[in-house]
N, C-alpha and C. Protein backbone atom coordinates (compact mmCIF):
# COMPACT_ATOMS: atom_id res chain seq x y z
N UNK A 1 40.45 -0.31 -23.38
CA UNK A 1 40.86 0.63 -22.58
C UNK A 1 40.20 2.00 -23.03
N UNK A 2 39.30 2.03 -23.77
CA UNK A 2 38.71 3.21 -24.45
C UNK A 2 38.00 4.08 -23.14
N UNK A 3 37.49 3.45 -22.03
CA UNK A 3 36.80 3.93 -21.01
C UNK A 3 37.64 4.99 -20.19
N UNK A 4 38.74 4.66 -20.20
CA UNK A 4 39.97 5.38 -19.35
C UNK A 4 40.15 6.83 -19.97
N UNK A 5 40.08 7.92 -19.09
CA UNK A 5 40.47 9.15 -19.52
C UNK A 5 41.86 9.51 -19.23
N UNK A 6 42.48 9.41 -20.33
CA UNK A 6 44.00 9.40 -20.28
C UNK A 6 44.49 10.93 -20.05
N UNK A 7 45.69 11.03 -19.46
CA UNK A 7 46.17 12.32 -19.27
C UNK A 7 46.77 12.65 -20.42
N UNK A 8 47.42 12.01 -21.33
CA UNK A 8 47.83 12.51 -22.64
C UNK A 8 48.22 11.22 -23.43
N UNK A 9 48.28 11.41 -24.79
CA UNK A 9 48.39 10.46 -25.71
C UNK A 9 49.52 9.60 -25.59
N UNK A 10 50.75 10.24 -24.97
CA UNK A 10 51.96 9.33 -24.63
C UNK A 10 51.69 8.56 -23.70
N UNK A 11 51.19 9.03 -22.39
CA UNK A 11 50.82 8.00 -21.28
C UNK A 11 50.10 6.97 -21.77
N UNK A 12 48.96 7.02 -22.69
CA UNK A 12 48.14 6.16 -22.97
C UNK A 12 49.11 5.08 -24.02
N UNK A 13 49.88 5.50 -24.77
CA UNK A 13 50.85 4.56 -25.84
C UNK A 13 51.86 3.74 -25.11
N UNK A 14 52.14 4.51 -24.00
CA UNK A 14 53.34 3.81 -23.30
C UNK A 14 52.64 2.59 -22.32
N UNK A 15 51.35 2.89 -21.91
CA UNK A 15 50.53 1.88 -21.25
C UNK A 15 50.40 0.83 -22.07
N UNK A 16 49.97 1.07 -23.37
CA UNK A 16 49.74 0.00 -24.46
C UNK A 16 51.16 -0.70 -24.86
N UNK A 17 52.15 -0.18 -24.64
CA UNK A 17 53.53 -0.81 -24.91
C UNK A 17 54.10 -1.59 -23.69
N UNK A 18 53.17 -1.56 -22.48
CA UNK A 18 53.89 -2.38 -21.39
C UNK A 18 54.16 -3.83 -21.59
N UNK A 19 55.19 -4.22 -21.36
CA UNK A 19 55.63 -5.62 -21.50
C UNK A 19 56.48 -6.02 -22.88
N UNK A 20 56.42 -4.59 -23.72
CA UNK A 20 57.31 -4.81 -24.87
C UNK A 20 58.50 -4.20 -24.69
N UNK A 21 59.41 -4.30 -25.77
CA UNK A 21 60.86 -3.67 -25.54
C UNK A 21 60.70 -2.37 -25.43
N UNK A 22 61.39 -1.66 -24.77
CA UNK A 22 61.27 -0.11 -24.61
C UNK A 22 60.65 0.42 -23.37
N UNK A 23 60.12 1.55 -23.37
CA UNK A 23 59.51 1.98 -22.23
C UNK A 23 57.72 1.63 -22.04
N UNK A 24 57.43 1.46 -20.70
CA UNK A 24 56.03 1.20 -20.76
C UNK A 24 55.67 1.61 -19.38
N UNK A 25 54.44 1.95 -18.97
CA UNK A 25 53.89 2.45 -17.82
C UNK A 25 52.52 1.46 -17.26
N UNK A 26 52.48 1.39 -15.92
CA UNK A 26 51.43 0.53 -15.66
C UNK A 26 51.29 0.76 -13.98
N UNK A 27 50.19 0.14 -13.50
CA UNK A 27 50.35 0.15 -11.94
C UNK A 27 50.30 -1.14 -11.50
N UNK A 28 50.82 -1.41 -10.17
CA UNK A 28 51.05 -2.42 -9.42
C UNK A 28 50.90 -2.16 -8.01
N UNK A 29 50.42 -3.28 -7.12
CA UNK A 29 50.44 -2.86 -5.86
C UNK A 29 52.01 -2.41 -5.24
N UNK A 30 52.00 -1.28 -4.36
CA UNK A 30 53.32 -0.93 -3.92
C UNK A 30 53.53 -1.74 -2.52
N UNK A 31 54.77 -1.36 -1.93
CA UNK A 31 55.02 -2.09 -0.79
C UNK A 31 54.02 -1.75 0.34
N UNK A 32 53.50 -0.86 0.42
CA UNK A 32 52.24 -0.46 1.39
C UNK A 32 50.87 -1.00 0.91
N UNK A 33 50.74 -1.69 -0.21
CA UNK A 33 49.77 -2.16 -0.75
C UNK A 33 48.82 -1.24 -1.54
N UNK A 34 49.39 0.13 -1.46
CA UNK A 34 48.71 1.02 -2.31
C UNK A 34 49.08 0.95 -3.66
N UNK A 35 48.36 1.23 -4.61
CA UNK A 35 48.83 1.11 -6.06
C UNK A 35 50.06 2.11 -6.31
N UNK A 36 50.92 1.51 -7.21
CA UNK A 36 52.06 2.37 -7.44
C UNK A 36 52.06 2.52 -8.94
N UNK A 37 52.57 3.72 -9.57
CA UNK A 37 52.72 3.79 -10.96
C UNK A 37 54.09 3.58 -11.15
N UNK A 38 54.28 2.71 -12.25
CA UNK A 38 55.78 1.95 -12.50
C UNK A 38 56.04 2.47 -13.95
N UNK A 39 57.15 3.19 -14.01
CA UNK A 39 57.87 3.31 -15.46
C UNK A 39 58.79 2.20 -15.57
N UNK A 40 58.54 1.52 -16.55
CA UNK A 40 59.44 0.19 -16.77
C UNK A 40 60.24 0.29 -18.17
N UNK A 41 61.66 0.01 -18.17
CA UNK A 41 62.30 -0.34 -19.57
C UNK A 41 62.67 -1.70 -19.48
N UNK A 42 62.32 -2.19 -20.73
CA UNK A 42 62.73 -3.67 -20.93
C UNK A 42 63.63 -3.69 -22.21
N UNK A 43 64.75 -4.48 -22.30
CA UNK A 43 65.61 -4.68 -23.22
C UNK A 43 65.17 -5.65 -24.36
N UNK A 44 64.44 -6.61 -23.94
CA UNK A 44 63.68 -7.34 -24.58
C UNK A 44 62.24 -7.57 -24.33
N UNK A 45 61.50 -8.05 -25.14
CA UNK A 45 60.07 -8.18 -25.05
C UNK A 45 59.88 -9.35 -24.04
N UNK A 46 58.51 -9.16 -23.14
CA UNK A 46 58.34 -10.13 -22.14
C UNK A 46 58.36 -11.61 -22.88
N UNK A 47 58.90 -12.58 -22.41
CA UNK A 47 59.05 -13.92 -22.92
C UNK A 47 59.96 -14.23 -23.77
N UNK A 48 60.77 -13.30 -24.25
CA UNK A 48 61.69 -13.39 -25.34
C UNK A 48 62.93 -13.91 -24.48
N UNK A 49 64.01 -14.66 -25.00
CA UNK A 49 65.19 -14.96 -24.33
C UNK A 49 66.30 -13.85 -24.11
N UNK A 50 66.85 -13.70 -22.99
CA UNK A 50 67.50 -12.84 -22.59
C UNK A 50 68.97 -12.80 -23.43
N UNK A 51 69.30 -11.68 -23.81
CA UNK A 51 70.78 -11.73 -24.51
C UNK A 51 72.00 -12.10 -23.46
N UNK A 52 72.91 -12.95 -24.06
CA UNK A 52 73.95 -13.38 -23.22
C UNK A 52 75.31 -12.62 -23.62
N UNK A 53 76.10 -12.26 -22.74
CA UNK A 53 77.28 -11.66 -23.01
C UNK A 53 78.33 -11.72 -21.85
N UNK A 54 79.48 -11.11 -22.23
CA UNK A 54 80.42 -11.11 -21.07
C UNK A 54 80.08 -10.29 -20.02
N UNK A 55 79.54 -9.21 -20.15
CA UNK A 55 79.21 -8.26 -19.15
C UNK A 55 77.75 -8.42 -18.80
N UNK A 56 77.48 -8.13 -17.27
CA UNK A 56 76.16 -8.16 -16.76
C UNK A 56 75.21 -7.28 -17.48
N UNK A 57 74.09 -7.33 -17.68
CA UNK A 57 73.09 -6.67 -18.35
C UNK A 57 71.75 -6.52 -17.50
N UNK A 58 71.17 -5.46 -17.14
CA UNK A 58 69.96 -5.38 -16.72
C UNK A 58 68.88 -5.33 -17.83
N UNK A 59 68.04 -6.40 -17.89
CA UNK A 59 67.08 -6.63 -18.93
C UNK A 59 65.83 -5.81 -18.55
N UNK A 60 65.54 -5.87 -17.31
CA UNK A 60 64.21 -4.97 -17.01
C UNK A 60 64.56 -3.98 -15.75
N UNK A 61 64.18 -2.68 -15.86
CA UNK A 61 64.24 -1.59 -14.92
C UNK A 61 62.99 -1.06 -14.31
N UNK A 62 62.73 -1.06 -13.22
CA UNK A 62 61.29 -0.40 -12.76
C UNK A 62 61.73 0.74 -11.87
N UNK A 63 60.88 1.90 -12.14
CA UNK A 63 60.90 3.09 -11.31
C UNK A 63 59.64 3.47 -10.81
N UNK A 64 59.22 3.84 -9.70
CA UNK A 64 57.90 4.39 -9.24
C UNK A 64 57.84 5.69 -9.74
N UNK A 65 56.84 6.25 -10.14
CA UNK A 65 56.77 7.61 -10.69
C UNK A 65 55.27 8.28 -9.85
N UNK A 66 55.31 9.33 -9.73
CA UNK A 66 54.03 10.10 -9.19
C UNK A 66 53.54 11.00 -10.14
N UNK A 67 54.24 11.45 -11.06
CA UNK A 67 53.75 12.38 -12.24
C UNK A 67 53.97 11.82 -13.70
N UNK A 68 53.12 12.16 -14.71
CA UNK A 68 53.31 11.78 -15.85
C UNK A 68 54.71 12.21 -16.62
N UNK A 69 55.58 11.51 -17.05
CA UNK A 69 56.74 12.06 -17.71
C UNK A 69 56.65 12.98 -18.69
N UNK A 70 55.41 12.82 -19.54
CA UNK A 70 55.27 13.40 -20.78
C UNK A 70 54.53 14.66 -20.49
N UNK A 71 53.43 14.76 -19.78
CA UNK A 71 52.63 16.06 -19.53
C UNK A 71 52.67 16.46 -18.02
N UNK A 72 53.19 15.79 -17.21
CA UNK A 72 53.27 16.35 -15.90
C UNK A 72 51.97 16.11 -14.97
N UNK A 73 51.11 15.47 -15.49
CA UNK A 73 49.89 15.11 -14.56
C UNK A 73 50.04 14.17 -13.32
N UNK A 74 49.39 14.74 -12.15
CA UNK A 74 49.85 13.96 -10.95
C UNK A 74 48.98 12.68 -11.28
N UNK A 75 49.57 11.39 -11.19
CA UNK A 75 49.07 10.24 -11.60
C UNK A 75 48.00 9.77 -10.69
N UNK A 76 48.17 9.83 -9.39
CA UNK A 76 47.12 9.48 -8.42
C UNK A 76 45.82 10.09 -8.49
N UNK A 77 46.03 11.46 -8.74
CA UNK A 77 44.81 12.30 -9.00
C UNK A 77 44.11 11.95 -10.37
N UNK A 78 44.74 11.84 -11.43
CA UNK A 78 44.17 11.62 -12.67
C UNK A 78 43.55 10.25 -12.66
N UNK A 79 44.04 9.26 -12.23
CA UNK A 79 43.55 7.87 -12.23
C UNK A 79 42.86 7.38 -11.04
N UNK A 80 42.63 8.13 -10.16
CA UNK A 80 42.32 7.51 -8.88
C UNK A 80 40.93 6.54 -9.05
N UNK A 81 39.96 6.93 -9.78
CA UNK A 81 38.91 6.13 -10.14
C UNK A 81 39.04 4.91 -11.11
N UNK A 82 40.03 4.99 -11.82
CA UNK A 82 40.63 3.90 -12.79
C UNK A 82 41.85 3.15 -12.52
N UNK A 83 42.30 3.31 -11.43
CA UNK A 83 43.69 2.71 -11.27
C UNK A 83 43.80 1.23 -11.35
N UNK A 84 42.67 0.52 -10.95
CA UNK A 84 42.76 -0.97 -11.13
C UNK A 84 42.60 -1.56 -12.56
N UNK A 85 42.13 -0.48 -13.50
CA UNK A 85 42.12 -0.90 -14.85
C UNK A 85 43.42 -0.95 -15.62
N UNK A 86 44.42 -0.11 -14.80
CA UNK A 86 45.90 -0.08 -15.10
C UNK A 86 46.75 -1.00 -14.62
N UNK A 87 46.36 -1.90 -13.87
CA UNK A 87 47.09 -2.82 -13.09
C UNK A 87 47.66 -3.94 -13.86
N UNK A 88 49.04 -4.12 -13.90
CA UNK A 88 49.73 -4.98 -14.93
C UNK A 88 50.65 -5.69 -13.75
N UNK A 89 50.38 -5.91 -12.64
CA UNK A 89 51.14 -6.64 -11.80
C UNK A 89 52.26 -7.78 -12.36
N UNK A 90 51.74 -8.42 -13.13
CA UNK A 90 52.52 -9.54 -13.98
C UNK A 90 53.80 -9.10 -14.60
N UNK A 91 53.82 -7.88 -14.76
CA UNK A 91 55.14 -7.09 -15.46
C UNK A 91 56.17 -6.62 -14.41
N UNK A 92 55.52 -6.44 -13.35
CA UNK A 92 56.61 -5.84 -12.35
C UNK A 92 57.65 -6.65 -11.91
N UNK A 93 58.99 -6.09 -11.82
CA UNK A 93 60.15 -6.77 -11.37
C UNK A 93 60.00 -7.22 -9.85
N UNK A 94 60.28 -8.33 -9.61
CA UNK A 94 60.04 -8.95 -8.34
C UNK A 94 61.28 -8.37 -7.30
N UNK A 95 60.86 -7.96 -6.07
CA UNK A 95 61.79 -7.47 -5.10
C UNK A 95 62.35 -8.24 -4.29
């Protein structure tokens, strides 16, 4: 991913962490087929068993974002030529 011009080191780091426990960012096709930027939080790493308990637990949460949460860059503008290199559709929560 060295050819990507990152808006900030935090966004790059969270892209590298996508799929692991904690926060990650990536793109995936949106409902209108245009690429969407996703901020995701995972309770466990992708492929790890989900914790069981007496109370319901959301193990993965996705939210679409338009601006970098760390530096404020407008993501569509920043990554318009590189958006497909950020595609990690396999990580997206199914709707």
